[in-house]
Amino acid sequence: MAKSLILTGISGSRVGIQMIVASRQTLIGSANGCDLVLHDRHVLPQHAQIRVVLDHWFISPLDAHAQVFVNGVTVRGQQRIDEGDLVTVGTATFKAEILQVNEVGGGRRW
């Protein structure tokens, strides 16, 4: 069994949508090539990145002008994402959940 980070939209254009962070690195931005595309005038083409290291997830803004918040606090550098944290990118806020996932059969990818 592996752990997965699940982000559930609680505001903005992603309300109610659950996304599983399935890659070691997940790119968030407004560009079509991103893993998580957010069409939001406050989101840069390559806005932020989520990385997983030893079953812990970290979010980092990719530009000095990219605003990323965890629990309402601006992220500078990188910030760990824990169970129950609120992650905001642009006008979208997500609630973080960490679950054990059966690796057989894969999983959803957003």
PDB file of N, CA and C in Angstrom:
ATOM      1  N   MET A   1       0.838  -1.177   0.000  1.00  0.00           N
ATOM      2  CA  MET A   1       0.000   0.000   0.000  1.00  0.00           C
ATOM      3  C   MET A   1       0.882   1.239   0.000  1.00  0.00           C
ATOM      4  N   ALA A   2       0.489   2.202  -0.774  1.00  0.00           N
ATOM      5  CA  ALA A   2       1.195   3.483  -0.850  1.00  0.00           C
ATOM      6  C   ALA A   2       0.259   4.582  -0.374  1.00  0.00           C
ATOM      7  N   LYS A   3       0.842   5.698   0.006  1.00  0.00           N
ATOM      8  CA  LYS A   3       0.042   6.853   0.387  1.00  0.00           C
ATOM      9  C   LYS A   3      -0.152   7.739  -0.830  1.00  0.00           C
ATOM     10  N   SER A   4      -1.304   8.392  -0.886  1.00  0.00           N
ATOM     11  CA  SER A   4      -1.585   9.359  -1.945  1.00  0.00           C
ATOM     12  C   SER A   4      -2.148  10.622  -1.340  1.00  0.00           C
ATOM     13  N   LEU A   5      -1.812  11.740  -1.976  1.00  0.00           N
ATOM     14  CA  LEU A   5      -2.367  13.028  -1.602  1.00  0.00           C
ATOM     15  C   LEU A   5      -3.592  13.268  -2.461  1.00  0.00           C
ATOM     16  N   ILE A   6      -4.709  13.546  -1.813  1.00  0.00           N
ATOM     17  CA  ILE A   6      -5.948  13.861  -2.522  1.00  0.00           C
ATOM     18  C   ILE A   6      -6.298  15.304  -2.192  1.00  0.00           C
ATOM     19  N   LEU A   7      -6.498  16.096  -3.234  1.00  0.00           N
ATOM     20  CA  LEU A   7      -6.894  17.493  -3.069  1.00  0.00           C
ATOM     21  C   LEU A   7      -8.343  17.621  -3.509  1.00  0.00           C
ATOM     22  N   THR A   8      -9.180  18.115  -2.614  1.00  0.00           N
ATOM     23  CA  THR A   8     -10.602  18.314  -2.912  1.00  0.00           C
ATOM     24  C   THR A   8     -10.873  19.808  -2.970  1.00  0.00           C
ATOM     25  N   GLY A   9     -11.407  20.260  -4.107  1.00  0.00           N
ATOM     26  CA  GLY A   9     -11.712  21.668  -4.276  1.00  0.00           C
ATOM     27  C   GLY A   9     -12.821  22.115  -3.349  1.00  0.00           C
ATOM     28  N   ILE A  10     -12.577  23.197  -2.608  1.00  0.00           N
ATOM     29  CA  ILE A  10     -13.607  23.731  -1.706  1.00  0.00           C
ATOM     30  C   ILE A  10     -13.988  25.161  -2.070  1.00  0.00           C
ATOM     31  N   SER A  11     -13.264  25.771  -3.042  1.00  0.00           N
ATOM     32  CA  SER A  11     -13.646  27.087  -3.551  1.00  0.00           C
ATOM     33  C   SER A  11     -13.084  27.249  -4.952  1.00  0.00           C
ATOM     34  N   GLY A  12     -13.598  28.237  -5.659  1.00  0.00           N
ATOM     35  CA  GLY A  12     -13.130  28.480  -7.020  1.00  0.00           C
ATOM     36  C   GLY A  12     -13.752  27.506  -8.004  1.00  0.00           C
ATOM     37  N   SER A  13     -13.107  27.316  -9.148  1.00  0.00           N
ATOM     38  CA  SER A  13     -13.661  26.499 -10.235  1.00  0.00           C
ATOM     39  C   SER A  13     -13.591  25.000  -9.974  1.00  0.00           C
ATOM     40  N   ARG A  14     -12.951  24.559  -8.918  1.00  0.00           N
ATOM     41  CA  ARG A  14     -12.770  23.128  -8.648  1.00  0.00           C
ATOM     42  C   ARG A  14     -13.603  22.616  -7.475  1.00  0.00           C
ATOM     43  N   VAL A  15     -14.634  23.333  -7.072  1.00  0.00           N
ATOM     44  CA  VAL A  15     -15.448  22.927  -5.919  1.00  0.00           C
ATOM     45  C   VAL A  15     -15.976  21.509  -6.127  1.00  0.00           C
ATOM     46  N   GLY A  16     -15.736  20.655  -5.140  1.00  0.00           N
ATOM     47  CA  GLY A  16     -16.246  19.294  -5.163  1.00  0.00           C
ATOM     48  C   GLY A  16     -15.445  18.315  -5.987  1.00  0.00           C
ATOM     49  N   ILE A  17     -14.468  18.783  -6.731  1.00  0.00           N
ATOM     50  CA  ILE A  17     -13.670  17.886  -7.574  1.00  0.00           C
ATOM     51  C   ILE A  17     -12.490  17.369  -6.766  1.00  0.00           C
ATOM     52  N   GLN A  18     -12.314  16.039  -6.771  1.00  0.00           N
ATOM     53  CA  GLN A  18     -11.183  15.423  -6.084  1.00  0.00           C
ATOM     54  C   GLN A  18     -10.106  15.092  -7.107  1.00  0.00           C
ATOM     55  N   MET A  19      -8.874  15.400  -6.741  1.00  0.00           N
ATOM     56  CA  MET A  19      -7.739  15.109  -7.600  1.00  0.00           C
ATOM     57  C   MET A  19      -6.700  14.337  -6.805  1.00  0.00           C
ATOM     58  N   ILE A  20      -6.211  13.273  -7.393  1.00  0.00           N
ATOM     59  CA  ILE A  20      -5.175  12.481  -6.744  1.00  0.00           C
ATOM     60  C   ILE A  20      -3.831  12.886  -7.321  1.00  0.00           C
ATOM     61  N   VAL A  21      -2.908  13.269  -6.451  1.00  0.00           N
ATOM     62  CA  VAL A  21      -1.548  13.596  -6.881  1.00  0.00           C
ATOM     63  C   VAL A  21      -0.813  12.264  -6.986  1.00  0.00           C
ATOM     64  N   ALA A  22      -0.646  11.804  -8.235  1.00  0.00           N
ATOM     65  CA  ALA A  22      -0.135  10.456  -8.473  1.00  0.00           C
ATOM     66  C   ALA A  22       1.322  10.431  -8.914  1.00  0.00           C
ATOM     67  N   SER A  23       1.896  11.583  -9.213  1.00  0.00           N
ATOM     68  CA  SER A  23       3.270  11.643  -9.713  1.00  0.00           C
ATOM     69  C   SER A  23       4.216  12.143  -8.635  1.00  0.00           C
ATOM     70  N   ARG A  24       5.493  11.875  -8.828  1.00  0.00           N
ATOM     71  CA  ARG A  24       6.510  12.405  -7.913  1.00  0.00           C
ATOM     72  C   ARG A  24       6.564  13.925  -7.985  1.00  0.00           C
ATOM     73  N   GLN A  25       6.266  14.471  -9.181  1.00  0.00           N
ATOM     74  CA  GLN A  25       6.224  15.919  -9.369  1.00  0.00           C
ATOM     75  C   GLN A  25       4.967  16.259 -10.145  1.00  0.00           C
ATOM     76  N   THR A  26       4.225  17.231  -9.659  1.00  0.00           N
ATOM     77  CA  THR A  26       2.989  17.663 -10.300  1.00  0.00           C
ATOM     78  C   THR A  26       3.070  19.157 -10.541  1.00  0.00           C
ATOM     79  N   LEU A  27       2.922  19.552 -11.800  1.00  0.00           N
ATOM     80  CA  LEU A  27       3.004  20.950 -12.191  1.00  0.00           C
ATOM     81  C   LEU A  27       1.612  21.566 -12.221  1.00  0.00           C
ATOM     82  N   ILE A  28       1.456  22.706 -11.546  1.00  0.00           N
ATOM     83  CA  ILE A  28       0.187  23.432 -11.482  1.00  0.00           C
ATOM     84  C   ILE A  28       0.361  24.759 -12.209  1.00  0.00           C
ATOM     85  N   GLY A  29      -0.576  25.082 -13.090  1.00  0.00           N
ATOM     86  CA  GLY A  29      -0.503  26.358 -13.794  1.00  0.00           C
ATOM     87  C   GLY A  29      -1.664  26.538 -14.745  1.00  0.00           C
ATOM     88  N   SER A  30      -1.603  27.614 -15.519  1.00  0.00           N
ATOM     89  CA  SER A  30      -2.667  27.898 -16.479  1.00  0.00           C
ATOM     90  C   SER A  30      -2.348  27.383 -17.879  1.00  0.00           C
ATOM     91  N   ALA A  31      -1.130  26.916 -18.127  1.00  0.00           N
ATOM     92  CA  ALA A  31      -0.736  26.388 -19.436  1.00  0.00           C
ATOM     93  C   ALA A  31      -1.307  24.988 -19.640  1.00  0.00           C
ATOM     94  N   ASN A  32      -1.673  24.685 -20.877  1.00  0.00           N
ATOM     95  CA  ASN A  32      -2.273  23.384 -21.188  1.00  0.00           C
ATOM     96  C   ASN A  32      -1.367  22.201 -20.878  1.00  0.00           C
ATOM     97  N   GLY A  33      -0.059  22.372 -20.855  1.00  0.00           N
ATOM     98  CA  GLY A  33       0.857  21.274 -20.582  1.00  0.00           C
ATOM     99  C   GLY A  33       1.014  20.919 -19.110  1.00  0.00           C
ATOM    100  N   CYS A  34       0.365  21.662 -18.226  1.00  0.00           N
ATOM    101  CA  CYS A  34       0.479  21.394 -16.787  1.00  0.00           C
ATOM    102  C   CYS A  34      -0.328  20.154 -16.405  1.00  0.00           C
ATOM    103  N   ASP A  35       0.070  19.521 -15.304  1.00  0.00           N
ATOM    104  CA  ASP A  35      -0.666  18.361 -14.791  1.00  0.00           C
ATOM    105  C   ASP A  35      -2.020  18.789 -14.227  1.00  0.00           C
ATOM    106  N   LEU A  36      -2.054  19.935 -13.565  1.00  0.00           N
ATOM    107  CA  LEU A  36      -3.300  20.513 -13.051  1.00  0.00           C
ATOM    108  C   LEU A  36      -3.443  21.888 -13.674  1.00  0.00           C
ATOM    109  N   VAL A  37      -4.381  22.017 -14.601  1.00  0.00           N
ATOM    110  CA  VAL A  37      -4.593  23.276 -15.297  1.00  0.00           C
ATOM    111  C   VAL A  37      -5.707  24.045 -14.587  1.00  0.00           C
ATOM    112  N   LEU A  38      -5.373  25.263 -14.151  1.00  0.00           N
ATOM    113  CA  LEU A  38      -6.332  26.142 -13.504  1.00  0.00           C
ATOM    114  C   LEU A  38      -6.496  27.383 -14.383  1.00  0.00           C
ATOM    115  N   HIS A  39      -7.664  27.528 -14.983  1.00  0.00           N
ATOM    116  CA  HIS A  39      -7.953  28.698 -15.807  1.00  0.00           C
ATOM    117  C   HIS A  39      -8.402  29.810 -14.869  1.00  0.00           C
ATOM    118  N   ASP A  40      -7.445  30.637 -14.493  1.00  0.00           N
ATOM    119  CA  ASP A  40      -7.662  31.664 -13.479  1.00  0.00           C
ATOM    120  C   ASP A  40      -6.680  32.793 -13.798  1.00  0.00           C
ATOM    121  N   ARG A  41      -7.162  34.019 -13.830  1.00  0.00           N
ATOM    122  CA  ARG A  41      -6.273  35.129 -14.173  1.00  0.00           C
ATOM    123  C   ARG A  41      -5.188  35.361 -13.124  1.00  0.00           C
ATOM    124  N   HIS A  42      -5.316  34.735 -11.956  1.00  0.00           N
ATOM    125  CA  HIS A  42      -4.314  34.867 -10.898  1.00  0.00           C
ATOM    126  C   HIS A  42      -3.291  33.732 -10.912  1.00  0.00           C
ATOM    127  N   VAL A  43      -3.404  32.824 -11.889  1.00  0.00           N
ATOM    128  CA  VAL A  43      -2.504  31.670 -11.977  1.00  0.00           C
ATOM    129  C   VAL A  43      -1.592  31.847 -13.189  1.00  0.00           C
ATOM    130  N   LEU A  44      -0.291  31.765 -12.955  1.00  0.00           N
ATOM    131  CA  LEU A  44       0.707  31.889 -14.023  1.00  0.00           C
ATOM    132  C   LEU A  44       0.744  30.603 -14.859  1.00  0.00           C
ATOM    133  N   PRO A  45       1.308  30.658 -16.067  1.00  0.00           N
ATOM    134  CA  PRO A  45       1.376  29.450 -16.900  1.00  0.00           C
ATOM    135  C   PRO A  45       2.026  28.256 -16.185  1.00  0.00           C
ATOM    136  N   GLN A  46       3.106  28.489 -15.463  1.00  0.00           N
ATOM    137  CA  GLN A  46       3.718  27.464 -14.610  1.00  0.00           C
ATOM    138  C   GLN A  46       3.833  28.092 -13.224  1.00  0.00           C
ATOM    139  N   HIS A  47       2.843  27.834 -12.398  1.00  0.00           N
ATOM    140  CA  HIS A  47       2.642  28.559 -11.148  1.00  0.00           C
ATOM    141  C   HIS A  47       3.327  27.902  -9.949  1.00  0.00           C
ATOM    142  N   ALA A  48       3.108  26.615  -9.786  1.00  0.00           N
ATOM    143  CA  ALA A  48       3.620  25.915  -8.597  1.00  0.00           C
ATOM    144  C   ALA A  48       3.875  24.453  -8.920  1.00  0.00           C
ATOM    145  N   GLN A  49       4.581  23.812  -8.017  1.00  0.00           N
ATOM    146  CA  GLN A  49       4.886  22.393  -8.180  1.00  0.00           C
ATOM    147  C   GLN A  49       4.669  21.685  -6.847  1.00  0.00           C
ATOM    148  N   ILE A  50       4.075  20.499  -6.920  1.00  0.00           N
ATOM    149  CA  ILE A  50       3.963  19.626  -5.749  1.00  0.00           C
ATOM    150  C   ILE A  50       4.918  18.467  -5.976  1.00  0.00           C
ATOM    151  N   ARG A  51       5.772  18.217  -4.982  1.00  0.00           N
ATOM    152  CA  ARG A  51       6.705  17.092  -5.047  1.00  0.00           C
ATOM    153  C   ARG A  51       6.443  16.173  -3.858  1.00  0.00           C
ATOM    154  N   VAL A  52       6.667  14.890  -4.074  1.00  0.00           N
ATOM    155  CA  VAL A  52       6.549  13.932  -2.975  1.00  0.00           C
ATOM    156  C   VAL A  52       7.944  13.387  -2.674  1.00  0.00           C
ATOM    157  N   VAL A  53       8.286  13.396  -1.376  1.00  0.00           N
ATOM    158  CA  VAL A  53       9.560  12.878  -0.904  1.00  0.00           C
ATOM    159  C   VAL A  53       9.269  12.021   0.314  1.00  0.00           C
ATOM    160  N   LEU A  54       9.525  10.712   0.203  1.00  0.00           N
ATOM    161  CA  LEU A  54       9.325   9.787   1.322  1.00  0.00           C
ATOM    162  C   LEU A  54       7.937   9.909   1.933  1.00  0.00           C
ATOM    163  N   ASP A  55       6.905   9.853   1.096  1.00  0.00           N
ATOM    164  CA  ASP A  55       5.505   9.927   1.529  1.00  0.00           C
ATOM    165  C   ASP A  55       5.132  11.246   2.201  1.00  0.00           C
ATOM    166  N   HIS A  56       5.843  12.313   1.887  1.00  0.00           N
ATOM    167  CA  HIS A  56       5.497  13.652   2.342  1.00  0.00           C
ATOM    168  C   HIS A  56       5.412  14.540   1.109  1.00  0.00           C
ATOM    169  N   TRP A  57       4.415  15.424   1.080  1.00  0.00           N
ATOM    170  CA  TRP A  57       4.184  16.280  -0.069  1.00  0.00           C
ATOM    171  C   TRP A  57       4.588  17.705   0.264  1.00  0.00           C
ATOM    172  N   PHE A  58       5.225  18.365  -0.728  1.00  0.00           N
ATOM    173  CA  PHE A  58       5.697  19.730  -0.573  1.00  0.00           C
ATOM    174  C   PHE A  58       5.246  20.547  -1.776  1.00  0.00           C
ATOM    175  N   ILE A  59       4.794  21.768  -1.534  1.00  0.00           N
ATOM    176  CA  ILE A  59       4.404  22.668  -2.611  1.00  0.00           C
ATOM    177  C   ILE A  59       5.370  23.843  -2.634  1.00  0.00           C
ATOM    178  N   SER A  60       5.729  24.259  -3.851  1.00  0.00           N
ATOM    179  CA  SER A  60       6.642  25.382  -4.047  1.00  0.00           C
ATOM    180  C   SER A  60       6.134  26.257  -5.178  1.00  0.00           C
ATOM    181  N   PRO A  61       6.125  27.578  -4.994  1.00  0.00           N
ATOM    182  CA  PRO A  61       5.824  28.458  -6.119  1.00  0.00           C
ATOM    183  C   PRO A  61       7.006  28.418  -7.093  1.00  0.00           C
ATOM    184  N   LEU A  62       6.718  28.561  -8.389  1.00  0.00           N
ATOM    185  CA  LEU A  62       7.773  28.485  -9.398  1.00  0.00           C
ATOM    186  C   LEU A  62       8.202  29.855  -9.912  1.00  0.00           C
ATOM    187  N   ASP A  63       7.649  30.908  -9.364  1.00  0.00           N
ATOM    188  CA  ASP A  63       7.951  32.267  -9.800  1.00  0.00           C
ATOM    189  C   ASP A  63       7.784  33.175  -8.587  1.00  0.00           C
ATOM    190  N   ALA A  64       8.554  34.228  -8.535  1.00  0.00           N
ATOM    191  CA  ALA A  64       8.470  35.161  -7.402  1.00  0.00           C
ATOM    192  C   ALA A  64       7.091  35.814  -7.301  1.00  0.00           C
ATOM    193  N   HIS A  65       6.357  35.872  -8.423  1.00  0.00           N
ATOM    194  CA  HIS A  65       5.026  36.487  -8.427  1.00  0.00           C
ATOM    195  C   HIS A  65       3.900  35.481  -8.228  1.00  0.00           C
ATOM    196  N   ALA A  66       4.244  34.207  -8.150  1.00  0.00           N
ATOM    197  CA  ALA A  66       3.226  33.155  -7.982  1.00  0.00           C
ATOM    198  C   ALA A  66       2.793  33.103  -6.523  1.00  0.00           C
ATOM    199  N   GLN A  67       1.530  33.382  -6.293  1.00  0.00           N
ATOM    200  CA  GLN A  67       1.024  33.349  -4.931  1.00  0.00           C
ATOM    201  C   GLN A  67       0.439  31.977  -4.629  1.00  0.00           C
ATOM    202  N   VAL A  68       1.006  31.347  -3.604  1.00  0.00           N
ATOM    203  CA  VAL A  68       0.576  30.032  -3.128  1.00  0.00           C
ATOM    204  C   VAL A  68       0.443  30.159  -1.615  1.00  0.00           C
ATOM    205  N   PHE A  69      -0.645  29.610  -1.078  1.00  0.00           N
ATOM    206  CA  PHE A  69      -0.893  29.691   0.364  1.00  0.00           C
ATOM    207  C   PHE A  69      -1.182  28.303   0.916  1.00  0.00           C
ATOM    208  N   VAL A  70      -0.700  28.029   2.116  1.00  0.00           N
ATOM    209  CA  VAL A  70      -1.072  26.831   2.862  1.00  0.00           C
ATOM    210  C   VAL A  70      -1.623  27.331   4.183  1.00  0.00           C
ATOM    211  N   ASN A  71      -2.891  27.013   4.437  1.00  0.00           N
ATOM    212  CA  ASN A  71      -3.589  27.469   5.639  1.00  0.00           C
ATOM    213  C   ASN A  71      -3.543  28.994   5.781  1.00  0.00           C
ATOM    214  N   GLY A  72      -3.648  29.688   4.633  1.00  0.00           N
ATOM    215  CA  GLY A  72      -3.696  31.138   4.637  1.00  0.00           C
ATOM    216  C   GLY A  72      -2.354  31.835   4.738  1.00  0.00           C
ATOM    217  N   VAL A  73      -1.275  31.085   4.855  1.00  0.00           N
ATOM    218  CA  VAL A  73       0.066  31.661   4.983  1.00  0.00           C
ATOM    219  C   VAL A  73       0.785  31.541   3.634  1.00  0.00           C
ATOM    220  N   THR A  74       1.370  32.644   3.180  1.00  0.00           N
ATOM    221  CA  THR A  74       2.096  32.654   1.915  1.00  0.00           C
ATOM    222  C   THR A  74       3.270  31.688   1.962  1.00  0.00           C
ATOM    223  N   VAL A  75       3.400  30.872   0.901  1.00  0.00           N
ATOM    224  CA  VAL A  75       4.518  29.930   0.800  1.00  0.00           C
ATOM    225  C   VAL A  75       5.682  30.639   0.120  1.00  0.00           C
ATOM    226  N   ARG A  76       6.799  30.643   0.788  1.00  0.00           N
ATOM    227  CA  ARG A  76       8.050  31.141   0.226  1.00  0.00           C
ATOM    228  C   ARG A  76       9.025  29.975   0.273  1.00  0.00           C
ATOM    229  N   GLY A  77       9.578  29.597  -0.818  1.00  0.00           N
ATOM    230  CA  GLY A  77      10.421  28.411  -0.851  1.00  0.00           C
ATOM    231  C   GLY A  77       9.531  27.196  -1.023  1.00  0.00           C
ATOM    232  N   GLN A  78       9.515  26.326  -0.046  1.00  0.00           N
ATOM    233  CA  GLN A  78       8.618  25.164  -0.107  1.00  0.00           C
ATOM    234  C   GLN A  78       7.932  24.976   1.232  1.00  0.00           C
ATOM    235  N   GLN A  79       6.753  24.366   1.188  1.00  0.00           N
ATOM    236  CA  GLN A  79       5.952  24.136   2.391  1.00  0.00           C
ATOM    237  C   GLN A  79       5.386  22.726   2.330  1.00  0.00           C
ATOM    238  N   ARG A  80       5.498  22.020   3.421  1.00  0.00           N
ATOM    239  CA  ARG A  80       4.922  20.680   3.499  1.00  0.00           C
ATOM    240  C   ARG A  80       3.404  20.772   3.547  1.00  0.00           C
ATOM    241  N   ILE A  81       2.743  19.825   2.885  1.00  0.00           N
ATOM    242  CA  ILE A  81       1.282  19.721   2.907  1.00  0.00           C
ATOM    243  C   ILE A  81       0.928  18.531   3.788  1.00  0.00           C
ATOM    244  N   ASP A  82       0.160  18.784   4.837  1.00  0.00           N
ATOM    245  CA  ASP A  82      -0.259  17.732   5.762  1.00  0.00           C
ATOM    246  C   ASP A  82      -1.762  17.514   5.664  1.00  0.00           C
ATOM    247  N   GLU A  83      -2.223  16.419   6.222  1.00  0.00           N
ATOM    248  CA  GLU A  83      -3.647  16.075   6.293  1.00  0.00           C
ATOM    249  C   GLU A  83      -4.446  17.260   6.832  1.00  0.00           C
ATOM    250  N   GLY A  84      -5.496  17.650   6.116  1.00  0.00           N
ATOM    251  CA  GLY A  84      -6.380  18.708   6.567  1.00  0.00           C
ATOM    252  C   GLY A  84      -5.953  20.116   6.183  1.00  0.00           C
ATOM    253  N   ASP A  85      -4.757  20.261   5.619  1.00  0.00           N
ATOM    254  CA  ASP A  85      -4.300  21.591   5.217  1.00  0.00           C
ATOM    255  C   ASP A  85      -5.170  22.140   4.095  1.00  0.00           C
ATOM    256  N   LEU A  86      -5.258  23.463   4.041  1.00  0.00           N
ATOM    257  CA  LEU A  86      -5.938  24.158   2.954  1.00  0.00           C
ATOM    258  C   LEU A  86      -4.872  24.772   2.060  1.00  0.00           C
ATOM    259  N   VAL A  87      -4.886  24.378   0.793  1.00  0.00           N
ATOM    260  CA  VAL A  87      -3.902  24.837  -0.187  1.00  0.00           C
ATOM    261  C   VAL A  87      -4.623  25.727  -1.189  1.00  0.00           C
ATOM    262  N   THR A  88      -4.140  26.970  -1.340  1.00  0.00           N
ATOM    263  CA  THR A  88      -4.762  27.919  -2.258  1.00  0.00           C
ATOM    264  C   THR A  88      -3.789  28.297  -3.359  1.00  0.00           C
ATOM    265  N   VAL A  89      -4.270  28.171  -4.601  1.00  0.00           N
ATOM    266  CA  VAL A  89      -3.534  28.585  -5.793  1.00  0.00           C
ATOM    267  C   VAL A  89      -4.506  29.424  -6.612  1.00  0.00           C
ATOM    268  N   GLY A  90      -4.167  30.685  -6.834  1.00  0.00           N
ATOM    269  CA  GLY A  90      -5.118  31.575  -7.505  1.00  0.00           C
ATOM    270  C   GLY A  90      -6.344  31.750  -6.633  1.00  0.00           C
ATOM    271  N   THR A  91      -7.528  31.554  -7.232  1.00  0.00           N
ATOM    272  CA  THR A  91      -8.768  31.672  -6.456  1.00  0.00           C
ATOM    273  C   THR A  91      -9.313  30.312  -6.021  1.00  0.00           C
ATOM    274  N   ALA A  92      -8.579  29.243  -6.320  1.00  0.00           N
ATOM    275  CA  ALA A  92      -9.030  27.893  -5.959  1.00  0.00           C
ATOM    276  C   ALA A  92      -8.366  27.438  -4.663  1.00  0.00           C
ATOM    277  N   THR A  93      -9.183  26.938  -3.748  1.00  0.00           N
ATOM    278  CA  THR A  93      -8.672  26.380  -2.496  1.00  0.00           C
ATOM    279  C   THR A  93      -9.028  24.906  -2.441  1.00  0.00           C
ATOM    280  N   PHE A  94      -8.057  24.110  -2.005  1.00  0.00           N
ATOM    281  CA  PHE A  94      -8.203  22.661  -1.911  1.00  0.00           C
ATOM    282  C   PHE A  94      -7.946  22.208  -0.491  1.00  0.00           C
ATOM    283  N   LYS A  95      -8.681  21.197  -0.050  1.00  0.00           N
ATOM    284  CA  LYS A  95      -8.420  20.573   1.250  1.00  0.00           C
ATOM    285  C   LYS A  95      -7.620  19.303   0.996  1.00  0.00           C
ATOM    286  N   ALA A  96      -6.538  19.141   1.740  1.00  0.00           N
ATOM    287  CA  ALA A  96      -5.639  18.001   1.563  1.00  0.00           C
ATOM    288  C   ALA A  96      -6.069  16.821   2.424  1.00  0.00           C
ATOM    289  N   GLU A  97      -6.013  15.653   1.814  1.00  0.00           N
ATOM    290  CA  GLU A  97      -6.298  14.402   2.515  1.00  0.00           C
ATOM    291  C   GLU A  97      -5.236  13.400   2.100  1.00  0.00           C
ATOM    292  N   ILE A  98      -4.752  12.629   3.028  1.00  0.00           N
ATOM    293  CA  ILE A  98      -3.738  11.623   2.735  1.00  0.00           C
ATOM    294  C   ILE A  98      -4.344  10.258   3.026  1.00  0.00           C
ATOM    295  N   LEU A  99      -4.352   9.411   1.989  1.00  0.00           N
ATOM    296  CA  LEU A  99      -4.977   8.095   2.087  1.00  0.00           C
ATOM    297  C   LEU A  99      -4.024   7.000   1.675  1.00  0.00           C
ATOM    298  N   GLN A 100      -4.242   5.823   2.240  1.00  0.00           N
ATOM    299  CA  GLN A 100      -3.553   4.626   1.767  1.00  0.00           C
ATOM    300  C   GLN A 100      -4.263   4.165   0.500  1.00  0.00           C
ATOM    301  N   VAL A 101      -3.516   3.867  -0.549  1.00  0.00           N
ATOM    302  CA  VAL A 101      -4.102   3.472  -1.820  1.00  0.00           C
ATOM    303  C   VAL A 101      -3.491   2.157  -2.254  1.00  0.00           C
ATOM    304  N   ASN A 102      -4.337   1.265  -2.758  1.00  0.00           N
ATOM    305  CA  ASN A 102      -3.877  -0.004  -3.307  1.00  0.00           C
ATOM    306  C   ASN A 102      -3.185   0.271  -4.632  1.00  0.00           C
ATOM    307  N   GLU A 103      -1.913  -0.103  -4.778  1.00  0.00           N
ATOM    308  CA  GLU A 103      -1.170   0.182  -5.992  1.00  0.00           C
ATOM    309  C   GLU A 103      -1.615  -0.682  -7.159  1.00  0.00           C
ATOM    310  N   VAL A 104      -2.193  -1.840  -6.913  1.00  0.00           N
ATOM    311  CA  VAL A 104      -2.660  -2.708  -7.988  1.00  0.00           C
ATOM    312  C   VAL A 104      -3.880  -2.071  -8.619  1.00  0.00           C
ATOM    313  N   GLY A 105      -3.870  -1.940  -9.924  1.00  0.00           N
ATOM    314  CA  GLY A 105      -5.017  -1.348 -10.604  1.00  0.00           C
ATOM    315  C   GLY A 105      -4.883   0.144 -10.790  1.00  0.00           C
ATOM    316  N   GLY A 106      -3.794   0.728 -10.293  1.00  0.00           N
ATOM    317  CA  GLY A 106      -3.552   2.157 -10.526  1.00  0.00           C
ATOM    318  C   GLY A 106      -4.471   3.040  -9.717  1.00  0.00           C
ATOM    319  N   GLY A 107      -4.792   4.159 -10.279  1.00  0.00           N
ATOM    320  CA  GLY A 107      -5.634   5.127  -9.607  1.00  0.00           C
ATOM    321  C   GLY A 107      -5.982   6.242 -10.549  1.00  0.00           C
ATOM    322  N   ARG A 108      -6.792   7.162 -10.079  1.00  0.00           N
ATOM    323  CA  ARG A 108      -7.173   8.280 -10.916  1.00  0.00           C
ATOM    324  C   ARG A 108      -6.008   9.258 -11.022  1.00  0.00           C
ATOM    325  N   ARG A 109      -5.952   9.900 -12.149  1.00  0.00           N
ATOM    326  CA  ARG A 109      -4.976  10.973 -12.352  1.00  0.00           C
ATOM    327  C   ARG A 109      -5.740  12.139 -12.907  1.00  0.00           C
ATOM    328  N   TRP A 110      -5.416  13.326 -12.519  1.00  0.00           N
ATOM    329  CA  TRP A 110      -6.137  14.478 -12.995  1.00  0.00           C
ATOM    330  C   TRP A 110      -5.369  15.072 -14.077  1.00  0.00           C
TER     331      TRP A 110
END
